[in-house]
Amino acid sequence: MLVAAVCAQLPLSEPDCKTGLVTWFDLVVRDSILDEIGAVGTARIAWIRVAEAMNRGVAVRSMLATAGLADLDELFFDATMNCLKAPFHNTLGWDVMFVAELGVTDIWRKKNVEEAIVLRMLETWAETCAIVVLPISERSDAVRWHRLAFQSAREPTADRRGYLYLDRSAKRPRLRDRDGDGRCFEIDEMV
C-alpha cells in the first residue's frame, strides 16, 4: 500500500499578511511493502486561507505575494473585493488548495499515483476550499487532469505556466484501487 507522510509548516504566532494564512504541506509518498527502495514521489501543497484573511482584514494580494504565490492573484482573485473571483467561488468555502509541486517516478505515474495524491489531499484537508489549483507546463498535462474534472484557467505557453482548477462543488470522478493493494488506481464513476 502507498502511504503519504505529511509534514505541515504551521506558524504558532497569530496569522497576519506575512505568516499563518498559507499553510504548506510537504508529502513524501512511500510504498509500505517496498519501503527499502525509497520514495515513490513527493508533493508540496498550500492551503490558502482566504476566508481567514478576509475576516482579519488582510489583503489577499499581499498574503499571496508574501507566500510566493503572486501568480495566482490575477487569475483567481478579485483585488477590489479581496476574495475569489465569481467563476471560482462556490458554496463550499473561500479557501484554495494549491498543488505547488507534484512528482512521482514514471512507473508510479502510469498507475495514477499523482492523481491519487491530489484527490486524497483534497478529500482529507480541503473541506473549506472552493477550488484546487494545479500548475501545468504542457498542454498534455491538461488532458490527463481533465479526466478528473479539472478545468483550464490559463493555457501554458513557452514563457509562462498554465493553471488548472477543480471546482470542489461540481461532480467529479473518483479513483478506485484497481488491484485492492493500494498501489494502482483507475478513474471510477462521477460523484
N, C-alpha and C. Protein backbone atom coordinates (compact mmCIF):
# COMPACT_ATOMS: atom_id res chain seq x y z
N MET A 1 0.84 -1.17 0.00
CA MET A 1 0.00 0.00 0.00
C MET A 1 0.89 1.24 0.00
N LEU A 2 0.47 2.24 -0.77
CA LEU A 2 1.17 3.51 -0.78
C LEU A 2 0.64 4.37 0.37
N VAL A 3 1.56 5.02 1.05
CA VAL A 3 1.19 5.91 2.16
C VAL A 3 1.95 7.22 2.01
N ALA A 4 1.31 8.29 2.45
CA ALA A 4 1.94 9.60 2.40
C ALA A 4 2.27 10.04 3.81
N ALA A 5 3.52 10.39 4.02
CA ALA A 5 3.94 11.04 5.26
C ALA A 5 3.82 12.53 5.01
N VAL A 6 3.08 13.22 5.88
CA VAL A 6 2.78 14.63 5.68
C VAL A 6 3.41 15.46 6.80
N CYS A 7 4.10 16.50 6.40
CA CYS A 7 4.69 17.45 7.35
C CYS A 7 4.11 18.82 7.01
N ALA A 8 3.56 19.50 8.01
CA ALA A 8 2.97 20.83 7.78
C ALA A 8 3.82 21.90 8.43
N GLN A 9 3.95 23.03 7.75
CA GLN A 9 4.61 24.20 8.30
C GLN A 9 3.53 25.13 8.83
N LEU A 10 3.36 25.15 10.15
CA LEU A 10 2.28 25.89 10.77
C LEU A 10 2.83 26.84 11.82
N PRO A 11 2.96 28.14 11.49
CA PRO A 11 3.45 29.09 12.48
C PRO A 11 2.51 29.15 13.68
N LEU A 12 3.06 29.27 14.85
CA LEU A 12 2.25 29.32 16.06
C LEU A 12 1.82 30.74 16.43
N SER A 13 2.39 31.72 15.75
CA SER A 13 2.00 33.12 16.00
C SER A 13 0.65 33.41 15.36
N GLU A 14 0.05 34.52 15.78
CA GLU A 14 -1.21 34.94 15.19
C GLU A 14 -1.03 35.19 13.69
N PRO A 15 -1.97 34.75 12.86
CA PRO A 15 -1.86 34.98 11.42
C PRO A 15 -1.91 36.46 11.07
N ASP A 16 -1.12 36.85 10.08
CA ASP A 16 -1.17 38.19 9.50
C ASP A 16 -0.79 38.07 8.03
N CYS A 17 -0.55 39.19 7.36
CA CYS A 17 -0.26 39.12 5.92
C CYS A 17 1.06 38.42 5.62
N LYS A 18 1.93 38.26 6.62
CA LYS A 18 3.23 37.64 6.39
C LYS A 18 3.28 36.17 6.73
N THR A 19 2.54 35.73 7.74
CA THR A 19 2.60 34.32 8.15
C THR A 19 1.23 33.84 8.62
N GLY A 20 1.05 32.53 8.54
CA GLY A 20 -0.10 31.89 9.15
C GLY A 20 -1.35 31.78 8.31
N LEU A 21 -1.40 32.44 7.16
CA LEU A 21 -2.59 32.35 6.32
C LEU A 21 -2.39 31.42 5.12
N VAL A 22 -1.17 30.98 4.93
CA VAL A 22 -0.88 29.95 3.93
C VAL A 22 -0.14 28.84 4.67
N THR A 23 -0.76 27.68 4.72
CA THR A 23 -0.15 26.53 5.39
C THR A 23 0.39 25.60 4.32
N TRP A 24 1.67 25.27 4.43
CA TRP A 24 2.32 24.39 3.46
C TRP A 24 2.39 22.96 3.98
N PHE A 25 2.03 22.02 3.12
CA PHE A 25 2.13 20.59 3.41
C PHE A 25 3.17 19.99 2.49
N ASP A 26 4.14 19.30 3.06
CA ASP A 26 5.13 18.56 2.27
C ASP A 26 4.84 17.09 2.45
N LEU A 27 4.69 16.39 1.32
CA LEU A 27 4.37 14.97 1.36
C LEU A 27 5.50 14.15 0.76
N VAL A 28 5.75 13.01 1.36
CA VAL A 28 6.64 12.00 0.79
C VAL A 28 5.80 10.73 0.73
N VAL A 29 5.64 10.21 -0.47
CA VAL A 29 4.84 9.00 -0.67
C VAL A 29 5.77 7.81 -0.79
N ARG A 30 5.48 6.80 0.01
CA ARG A 30 6.30 5.58 0.02
C ARG A 30 5.43 4.36 -0.18
N ASP A 31 6.04 3.33 -0.68
CA ASP A 31 5.37 2.04 -0.79
C ASP A 31 5.68 1.28 0.50
N SER A 32 4.65 1.00 1.29
CA SER A 32 4.89 0.34 2.58
C SER A 32 5.42 -1.08 2.41
N ILE A 33 5.21 -1.69 1.27
CA ILE A 33 5.72 -3.04 1.01
C ILE A 33 7.17 -2.99 0.56
N LEU A 34 7.50 -2.03 -0.31
CA LEU A 34 8.84 -1.93 -0.88
C LEU A 34 9.60 -0.73 -0.33
N ASP A 35 9.45 -0.43 0.95
CA ASP A 35 10.00 0.79 1.54
C ASP A 35 11.50 0.93 1.35
N GLU A 36 12.20 -0.17 1.22
CA GLU A 36 13.65 -0.07 1.08
C GLU A 36 14.07 0.58 -0.24
N ILE A 37 13.19 0.64 -1.21
CA ILE A 37 13.51 1.25 -2.50
C ILE A 37 13.53 2.77 -2.40
N GLY A 38 12.79 3.33 -1.47
CA GLY A 38 12.77 4.78 -1.30
C GLY A 38 11.43 5.39 -1.67
N ALA A 39 11.44 6.68 -1.86
CA ALA A 39 10.21 7.42 -2.10
C ALA A 39 9.62 7.13 -3.48
N VAL A 40 8.31 7.03 -3.51
CA VAL A 40 7.57 6.87 -4.75
C VAL A 40 7.42 8.24 -5.40
N GLY A 41 7.21 9.25 -4.56
CA GLY A 41 7.04 10.60 -5.07
C GLY A 41 6.93 11.60 -3.95
N THR A 42 6.83 12.86 -4.34
CA THR A 42 6.72 13.95 -3.37
C THR A 42 5.71 14.97 -3.87
N ALA A 43 5.23 15.77 -2.93
CA ALA A 43 4.32 16.86 -3.29
C ALA A 43 4.50 17.99 -2.28
N ARG A 44 4.21 19.19 -2.74
CA ARG A 44 4.19 20.37 -1.87
C ARG A 44 2.88 21.08 -2.18
N ILE A 45 2.04 21.18 -1.16
CA ILE A 45 0.69 21.69 -1.34
C ILE A 45 0.43 22.79 -0.33
N ALA A 46 -0.20 23.88 -0.79
CA ALA A 46 -0.52 25.00 0.09
C ALA A 46 -2.03 25.08 0.31
N TRP A 47 -2.40 25.32 1.55
CA TRP A 47 -3.78 25.64 1.89
C TRP A 47 -3.81 27.15 2.08
N ILE A 48 -4.45 27.85 1.15
CA ILE A 48 -4.52 29.31 1.16
C ILE A 48 -5.82 29.70 1.87
N ARG A 49 -5.69 30.26 3.04
CA ARG A 49 -6.82 30.53 3.92
C ARG A 49 -7.43 31.91 3.62
N VAL A 50 -8.14 31.98 2.52
CA VAL A 50 -8.73 33.23 2.04
C VAL A 50 -9.79 33.75 3.02
N ALA A 51 -10.65 32.88 3.50
CA ALA A 51 -11.71 33.31 4.43
C ALA A 51 -11.11 33.94 5.68
N GLU A 52 -10.07 33.34 6.23
CA GLU A 52 -9.43 33.88 7.43
C GLU A 52 -8.78 35.24 7.12
N ALA A 53 -8.18 35.36 5.95
CA ALA A 53 -7.60 36.65 5.55
C ALA A 53 -8.69 37.72 5.47
N MET A 54 -9.82 37.37 4.87
CA MET A 54 -10.94 38.31 4.77
C MET A 54 -11.42 38.72 6.16
N ASN A 55 -11.56 37.76 7.07
CA ASN A 55 -12.03 38.04 8.43
C ASN A 55 -11.07 38.94 9.19
N ARG A 56 -9.78 38.83 8.89
CA ARG A 56 -8.76 39.61 9.60
C ARG A 56 -8.44 40.93 8.90
N GLY A 57 -9.09 41.19 7.75
CA GLY A 57 -8.83 42.42 7.01
C GLY A 57 -7.49 42.43 6.30
N VAL A 58 -6.95 41.24 6.04
CA VAL A 58 -5.67 41.12 5.35
C VAL A 58 -5.92 41.07 3.84
N ALA A 59 -5.19 41.86 3.09
CA ALA A 59 -5.33 41.86 1.63
C ALA A 59 -4.82 40.54 1.07
N VAL A 60 -5.66 39.85 0.32
CA VAL A 60 -5.27 38.57 -0.27
C VAL A 60 -4.06 38.76 -1.17
N ARG A 61 -4.02 39.83 -1.92
CA ARG A 61 -2.88 40.10 -2.82
C ARG A 61 -1.57 40.14 -2.03
N SER A 62 -1.57 40.81 -0.90
CA SER A 62 -0.37 40.90 -0.07
C SER A 62 0.00 39.53 0.50
N MET A 63 -0.99 38.79 0.95
CA MET A 63 -0.76 37.46 1.51
C MET A 63 -0.13 36.54 0.45
N LEU A 64 -0.67 36.57 -0.76
CA LEU A 64 -0.15 35.72 -1.84
C LEU A 64 1.27 36.11 -2.22
N ALA A 65 1.53 37.40 -2.31
CA ALA A 65 2.88 37.87 -2.67
C ALA A 65 3.89 37.43 -1.63
N THR A 66 3.55 37.56 -0.36
CA THR A 66 4.46 37.17 0.72
C THR A 66 4.75 35.67 0.67
N ALA A 67 3.76 34.87 0.28
CA ALA A 67 3.92 33.41 0.22
C ALA A 67 4.54 32.94 -1.09
N GLY A 68 4.89 33.87 -1.99
CA GLY A 68 5.47 33.48 -3.28
C GLY A 68 4.43 32.96 -4.26
N LEU A 69 3.19 33.36 -4.08
CA LEU A 69 2.09 32.86 -4.92
C LEU A 69 1.40 33.99 -5.70
N ALA A 70 2.11 35.05 -5.98
CA ALA A 70 1.52 36.22 -6.65
C ALA A 70 0.93 35.88 -8.01
N ASP A 71 1.45 34.86 -8.68
CA ASP A 71 0.95 34.47 -10.00
C ASP A 71 -0.52 34.06 -9.94
N LEU A 72 -0.99 33.59 -8.80
CA LEU A 72 -2.38 33.16 -8.66
C LEU A 72 -3.34 34.34 -8.57
N ASP A 73 -2.83 35.49 -8.13
CA ASP A 73 -3.68 36.64 -7.84
C ASP A 73 -4.53 37.07 -9.03
N GLU A 74 -3.90 37.36 -10.15
CA GLU A 74 -4.65 37.89 -11.30
C GLU A 74 -5.65 36.90 -11.88
N LEU A 75 -5.35 35.62 -11.78
CA LEU A 75 -6.25 34.61 -12.36
C LEU A 75 -7.46 34.30 -11.49
N PHE A 76 -7.24 34.16 -10.20
CA PHE A 76 -8.27 33.60 -9.33
C PHE A 76 -8.89 34.57 -8.35
N PHE A 77 -8.27 35.74 -8.13
CA PHE A 77 -8.74 36.63 -7.07
C PHE A 77 -9.15 38.00 -7.57
N ASP A 78 -10.15 38.56 -6.92
CA ASP A 78 -10.64 39.89 -7.21
C ASP A 78 -10.03 40.82 -6.15
N ALA A 79 -9.08 41.65 -6.56
CA ALA A 79 -8.37 42.53 -5.62
C ALA A 79 -9.30 43.56 -4.99
N THR A 80 -10.29 44.02 -5.74
CA THR A 80 -11.22 45.02 -5.22
C THR A 80 -12.08 44.43 -4.10
N MET A 81 -12.56 43.21 -4.30
CA MET A 81 -13.43 42.56 -3.32
C MET A 81 -12.63 41.75 -2.29
N ASN A 82 -11.33 41.54 -2.55
CA ASN A 82 -10.46 40.78 -1.63
C ASN A 82 -10.95 39.35 -1.42
N CYS A 83 -11.34 38.70 -2.52
CA CYS A 83 -11.83 37.33 -2.43
C CYS A 83 -11.67 36.63 -3.78
N LEU A 84 -12.13 35.39 -3.86
CA LEU A 84 -12.11 34.67 -5.13
C LEU A 84 -12.99 35.37 -6.16
N LYS A 85 -12.57 35.33 -7.41
CA LYS A 85 -13.41 35.85 -8.49
C LYS A 85 -14.67 35.00 -8.59
N ALA A 86 -15.73 35.57 -9.11
CA ALA A 86 -17.03 34.91 -9.19
C ALA A 86 -16.99 33.52 -9.82
N PRO A 87 -16.27 33.29 -10.93
CA PRO A 87 -16.30 31.96 -11.52
C PRO A 87 -15.74 30.85 -10.62
N PHE A 88 -14.97 31.25 -9.60
CA PHE A 88 -14.31 30.25 -8.76
C PHE A 88 -14.94 30.12 -7.37
N HIS A 89 -15.82 31.03 -7.04
CA HIS A 89 -16.49 30.97 -5.74
C HIS A 89 -17.63 29.96 -5.80
N ASN A 90 -17.80 29.22 -4.73
CA ASN A 90 -18.94 28.30 -4.63
C ASN A 90 -19.38 28.24 -3.17
N THR A 91 -20.33 27.40 -2.88
CA THR A 91 -20.91 27.33 -1.53
C THR A 91 -20.06 26.54 -0.54
N LEU A 92 -18.96 25.94 -0.98
CA LEU A 92 -18.14 25.13 -0.07
C LEU A 92 -17.18 25.95 0.77
N GLY A 93 -16.86 27.15 0.32
CA GLY A 93 -15.94 27.98 1.09
C GLY A 93 -15.20 28.94 0.19
N TRP A 94 -14.23 29.65 0.80
CA TRP A 94 -13.47 30.65 0.08
C TRP A 94 -12.01 30.25 -0.10
N ASP A 95 -11.58 29.24 0.60
CA ASP A 95 -10.17 28.86 0.61
C ASP A 95 -9.77 28.16 -0.68
N VAL A 96 -8.45 28.05 -0.87
CA VAL A 96 -7.90 27.43 -2.07
C VAL A 96 -6.80 26.45 -1.67
N MET A 97 -6.81 25.27 -2.28
CA MET A 97 -5.71 24.33 -2.14
C MET A 97 -4.88 24.44 -3.42
N PHE A 98 -3.60 24.72 -3.26
CA PHE A 98 -2.71 24.90 -4.40
C PHE A 98 -1.64 23.82 -4.40
N VAL A 99 -1.57 23.06 -5.47
CA VAL A 99 -0.57 22.00 -5.62
C VAL A 99 0.65 22.63 -6.28
N ALA A 100 1.60 23.06 -5.47
CA ALA A 100 2.77 23.78 -5.98
C ALA A 100 3.74 22.85 -6.70
N GLU A 101 3.95 21.67 -6.14
CA GLU A 101 4.87 20.68 -6.73
C GLU A 101 4.25 19.31 -6.60
N LEU A 102 4.45 18.51 -7.63
CA LEU A 102 3.92 17.15 -7.63
C LEU A 102 4.80 16.32 -8.54
N GLY A 103 5.33 15.25 -8.01
CA GLY A 103 6.19 14.42 -8.84
C GLY A 103 6.31 13.00 -8.33
N VAL A 104 6.15 12.07 -9.23
CA VAL A 104 6.37 10.66 -8.93
C VAL A 104 7.20 10.08 -10.07
N THR A 105 7.83 8.96 -9.82
CA THR A 105 8.60 8.31 -10.87
C THR A 105 7.66 7.79 -11.95
N ASP A 106 8.20 7.58 -13.14
CA ASP A 106 7.37 7.20 -14.28
C ASP A 106 6.51 5.96 -14.03
N ILE A 107 7.08 4.95 -13.40
CA ILE A 107 6.31 3.72 -13.17
C ILE A 107 5.07 3.98 -12.33
N TRP A 108 5.17 4.90 -11.35
CA TRP A 108 4.03 5.22 -10.50
C TRP A 108 3.09 6.21 -11.17
N ARG A 109 3.60 7.06 -12.05
CA ARG A 109 2.73 7.99 -12.79
C ARG A 109 1.75 7.21 -13.65
N LYS A 110 2.21 6.12 -14.25
CA LYS A 110 1.33 5.28 -15.08
C LYS A 110 0.23 4.61 -14.26
N LYS A 111 0.42 4.56 -12.94
CA LYS A 111 -0.57 3.95 -12.05
C LYS A 111 -1.47 5.00 -11.39
N ASN A 112 -1.45 6.23 -11.94
CA ASN A 112 -2.30 7.34 -11.46
C ASN A 112 -2.02 7.74 -10.02
N VAL A 113 -0.78 7.62 -9.58
CA VAL A 113 -0.44 7.97 -8.20
C VAL A 113 -0.48 9.48 -7.98
N GLU A 114 -0.08 10.29 -8.97
CA GLU A 114 -0.18 11.75 -8.80
C GLU A 114 -1.64 12.15 -8.57
N GLU A 115 -2.52 11.58 -9.33
CA GLU A 115 -3.94 11.87 -9.18
C GLU A 115 -4.43 11.45 -7.80
N ALA A 116 -3.97 10.30 -7.33
CA ALA A 116 -4.36 9.81 -6.01
C ALA A 116 -3.87 10.76 -4.91
N ILE A 117 -2.65 11.27 -5.05
CA ILE A 117 -2.12 12.22 -4.06
C ILE A 117 -3.03 13.44 -3.96
N VAL A 118 -3.33 14.04 -5.10
CA VAL A 118 -4.14 15.26 -5.12
C VAL A 118 -5.54 14.99 -4.56
N LEU A 119 -6.17 13.92 -5.01
CA LEU A 119 -7.53 13.65 -4.54
C LEU A 119 -7.58 13.30 -3.06
N ARG A 120 -6.62 12.57 -2.55
CA ARG A 120 -6.61 12.25 -1.11
C ARG A 120 -6.37 13.50 -0.28
N MET A 121 -5.51 14.39 -0.75
CA MET A 121 -5.29 15.64 -0.01
C MET A 121 -6.56 16.48 0.01
N LEU A 122 -7.24 16.59 -1.12
CA LEU A 122 -8.44 17.42 -1.13
C LEU A 122 -9.55 16.78 -0.32
N GLU A 123 -9.66 15.46 -0.32
CA GLU A 123 -10.69 14.79 0.48
C GLU A 123 -10.38 14.88 1.98
N THR A 124 -9.10 14.97 2.33
CA THR A 124 -8.70 14.98 3.73
C THR A 124 -8.63 16.38 4.32
N TRP A 125 -8.05 17.35 3.59
CA TRP A 125 -7.79 18.66 4.17
C TRP A 125 -8.45 19.84 3.46
N ALA A 126 -9.14 19.64 2.39
CA ALA A 126 -9.65 20.79 1.64
C ALA A 126 -11.14 21.06 1.89
N GLU A 127 -11.60 20.75 3.07
CA GLU A 127 -13.02 20.89 3.38
C GLU A 127 -13.55 22.30 3.14
N THR A 128 -12.77 23.32 3.45
CA THR A 128 -13.22 24.70 3.29
C THR A 128 -12.75 25.32 1.98
N CYS A 129 -12.17 24.52 1.10
CA CYS A 129 -11.64 25.03 -0.16
C CYS A 129 -12.70 25.00 -1.26
N ALA A 130 -12.86 26.11 -1.95
CA ALA A 130 -13.76 26.19 -3.08
C ALA A 130 -13.15 25.49 -4.29
N ILE A 131 -11.84 25.68 -4.47
CA ILE A 131 -11.16 25.11 -5.64
C ILE A 131 -9.81 24.53 -5.24
N VAL A 132 -9.33 23.65 -6.10
CA VAL A 132 -7.97 23.12 -6.03
C VAL A 132 -7.29 23.59 -7.30
N VAL A 133 -6.10 24.18 -7.18
CA VAL A 133 -5.39 24.74 -8.33
C VAL A 133 -4.12 23.93 -8.56
N LEU A 134 -3.86 23.65 -9.83
CA LEU A 134 -2.72 22.84 -10.24
C LEU A 134 -1.99 23.53 -11.39
N PRO A 135 -0.70 23.84 -11.23
CA PRO A 135 0.05 24.43 -12.35
C PRO A 135 0.43 23.35 -13.36
N ILE A 136 0.48 23.75 -14.62
CA ILE A 136 0.92 22.82 -15.67
C ILE A 136 1.88 23.54 -16.59
N SER A 137 2.80 22.77 -17.20
CA SER A 137 3.75 23.38 -18.11
C SER A 137 3.52 22.95 -19.56
N GLU A 138 2.75 21.89 -19.76
CA GLU A 138 2.46 21.41 -21.12
C GLU A 138 0.98 21.12 -21.27
N ARG A 139 0.50 21.30 -22.48
CA ARG A 139 -0.93 21.04 -22.75
C ARG A 139 -1.30 19.58 -22.51
N SER A 140 -0.37 18.67 -22.70
CA SER A 140 -0.66 17.25 -22.47
C SER A 140 -1.00 16.99 -21.01
N ASP A 141 -0.46 17.80 -20.10
CA ASP A 141 -0.82 17.67 -18.68
C ASP A 141 -2.30 17.97 -18.48
N ALA A 142 -2.81 18.94 -19.20
CA ALA A 142 -4.22 19.32 -19.06
C ALA A 142 -5.13 18.16 -19.44
N VAL A 143 -4.80 17.45 -20.49
CA VAL A 143 -5.63 16.32 -20.94
C VAL A 143 -5.76 15.29 -19.83
N ARG A 144 -4.65 14.98 -19.19
CA ARG A 144 -4.66 13.98 -18.12
C ARG A 144 -5.53 14.42 -16.95
N TRP A 145 -5.43 15.69 -16.55
CA TRP A 145 -6.18 16.17 -15.40
C TRP A 145 -7.63 16.48 -15.74
N HIS A 146 -7.94 16.73 -16.99
CA HIS A 146 -9.34 16.95 -17.38
C HIS A 146 -10.17 15.71 -17.11
N ARG A 147 -9.54 14.53 -17.13
CA ARG A 147 -10.27 13.28 -16.83
C ARG A 147 -10.85 13.29 -15.41
N LEU A 148 -10.26 14.11 -14.54
CA LEU A 148 -10.74 14.20 -13.16
C LEU A 148 -11.55 15.47 -12.90
N ALA A 149 -12.01 16.09 -13.98
CA ALA A 149 -12.89 17.27 -13.93
C ALA A 149 -12.15 18.57 -13.65
N PHE A 150 -10.82 18.59 -13.76
CA PHE A 150 -10.09 19.85 -13.69
C PHE A 150 -10.39 20.64 -14.97
N GLN A 151 -10.49 21.96 -14.84
CA GLN A 151 -10.76 22.83 -15.97
C GLN A 151 -9.59 23.79 -16.15
N SER A 152 -9.45 24.31 -17.35
CA SER A 152 -8.35 25.24 -17.63
C SER A 152 -8.70 26.65 -17.19
N ALA A 153 -7.79 27.25 -16.43
CA ALA A 153 -7.91 28.67 -16.08
C ALA A 153 -7.01 29.49 -17.00
N ARG A 154 -5.85 28.91 -17.37
CA ARG A 154 -4.93 29.55 -18.31
C ARG A 154 -4.10 28.46 -18.95
N GLU A 155 -4.03 28.50 -20.26
CA GLU A 155 -3.24 27.52 -21.01
C GLU A 155 -1.75 27.85 -20.87
N PRO A 156 -0.90 26.83 -20.81
CA PRO A 156 0.54 27.11 -20.73
C PRO A 156 1.07 27.61 -22.08
N THR A 157 2.09 28.47 -22.01
CA THR A 157 2.78 28.93 -23.21
C THR A 157 4.27 28.71 -23.00
N ALA A 158 5.05 29.07 -23.98
CA ALA A 158 6.50 28.87 -23.88
C ALA A 158 7.12 29.68 -22.74
N ASP A 159 6.52 30.84 -22.42
CA ASP A 159 7.12 31.70 -21.40
C ASP A 159 6.36 31.78 -20.07
N ARG A 160 5.26 31.06 -19.95
CA ARG A 160 4.56 31.05 -18.65
C ARG A 160 3.78 29.75 -18.49
N ARG A 161 3.66 29.35 -17.24
CA ARG A 161 2.93 28.11 -16.99
C ARG A 161 1.43 28.36 -16.98
N GLY A 162 0.72 27.29 -17.22
CA GLY A 162 -0.73 27.36 -17.20
C GLY A 162 -1.25 26.88 -15.85
N TYR A 163 -2.56 27.02 -15.67
CA TYR A 163 -3.19 26.58 -14.43
C TYR A 163 -4.50 25.87 -14.71
N LEU A 164 -4.72 24.81 -13.98
CA LEU A 164 -5.98 24.09 -13.99
C LEU A 164 -6.62 24.30 -12.63
N TYR A 165 -7.93 24.16 -12.58
CA TYR A 165 -8.59 24.23 -11.28
C TYR A 165 -9.72 23.20 -11.24
N LEU A 166 -10.00 22.74 -10.06
CA LEU A 166 -11.09 21.80 -9.82
C LEU A 166 -12.10 22.49 -8.91
N ASP A 167 -13.31 22.65 -9.40
CA ASP A 167 -14.40 23.20 -8.60
C ASP A 167 -14.90 22.08 -7.69
N ARG A 168 -14.65 22.21 -6.40
CA ARG A 168 -15.00 21.14 -5.46
C ARG A 168 -16.49 20.93 -5.33
N SER A 169 -17.32 21.90 -5.75
CA SER A 169 -18.77 21.74 -5.63
C SER A 169 -19.36 20.95 -6.79
N ALA A 170 -18.58 20.74 -7.85
CA ALA A 170 -19.07 20.02 -9.03
C ALA A 170 -18.85 18.51 -8.91
N LYS A 171 -19.62 17.76 -9.67
CA LYS A 171 -19.41 16.31 -9.70
C LYS A 171 -18.05 16.02 -10.31
N ARG A 172 -17.40 15.00 -9.78
CA ARG A 172 -16.09 14.63 -10.29
C ARG A 172 -15.88 13.14 -10.13
N PRO A 173 -15.04 12.56 -10.96
CA PRO A 173 -14.74 11.14 -10.82
C PRO A 173 -13.94 10.88 -9.55
N ARG A 174 -13.94 9.64 -9.14
CA ARG A 174 -13.11 9.19 -8.03
C ARG A 174 -12.06 8.26 -8.60
N LEU A 175 -11.05 8.01 -7.79
CA LEU A 175 -10.06 6.99 -8.16
C LEU A 175 -10.36 5.74 -7.36
N ARG A 176 -10.34 4.63 -8.03
CA ARG A 176 -10.59 3.34 -7.40
C ARG A 176 -9.29 2.57 -7.34
N ASP A 177 -9.09 1.87 -6.23
CA ASP A 177 -7.93 0.99 -6.06
C ASP A 177 -8.13 -0.20 -6.99
N ARG A 178 -7.36 -0.24 -8.07
CA ARG A 178 -7.59 -1.22 -9.12
C ARG A 178 -7.38 -2.66 -8.66
N ASP A 179 -6.30 -2.91 -7.91
CA ASP A 179 -5.95 -4.28 -7.55
C ASP A 179 -6.21 -4.62 -6.09
N GLY A 180 -6.72 -3.66 -5.33
CA GLY A 180 -7.01 -3.91 -3.93
C GLY A 180 -5.80 -3.85 -3.01
N ASP A 181 -4.65 -3.41 -3.53
CA ASP A 181 -3.45 -3.35 -2.68
C ASP A 181 -2.98 -1.91 -2.44
N GLY A 182 -3.77 -0.92 -2.88
CA GLY A 182 -3.44 0.48 -2.63
C GLY A 182 -2.21 0.97 -3.37
N ARG A 183 -1.92 0.37 -4.55
CA ARG A 183 -0.71 0.75 -5.27
C ARG A 183 -0.96 1.15 -6.73
N CYS A 184 -2.18 0.98 -7.20
CA CYS A 184 -2.52 1.31 -8.59
C CYS A 184 -3.97 1.75 -8.62
N PHE A 185 -4.24 2.87 -9.32
CA PHE A 185 -5.56 3.46 -9.28
C PHE A 185 -6.11 3.68 -10.68
N GLU A 186 -7.43 3.63 -10.77
CA GLU A 186 -8.09 3.93 -12.05
C GLU A 186 -9.29 4.82 -11.78
N ILE A 187 -9.68 5.57 -12.80
CA ILE A 187 -10.78 6.50 -12.67
C ILE A 187 -12.09 5.73 -12.61
N ASP A 188 -12.90 6.13 -11.62
CA ASP A 188 -14.19 5.49 -11.41
C ASP A 188 -15.31 6.48 -11.77
N GLU A 189 -16.52 6.20 -11.37
CA GLU A 189 -17.69 7.00 -11.74
C GLU A 189 -17.64 8.41 -11.16
N MET A 190 -18.50 9.25 -11.70
CA MET A 190 -18.64 10.62 -11.21
C MET A 190 -19.43 10.60 -9.90
N VAL A 191 -19.00 11.42 -8.94
CA VAL A 191 -19.75 11.54 -7.68
C VAL A 191 -20.04 13.00 -7.38
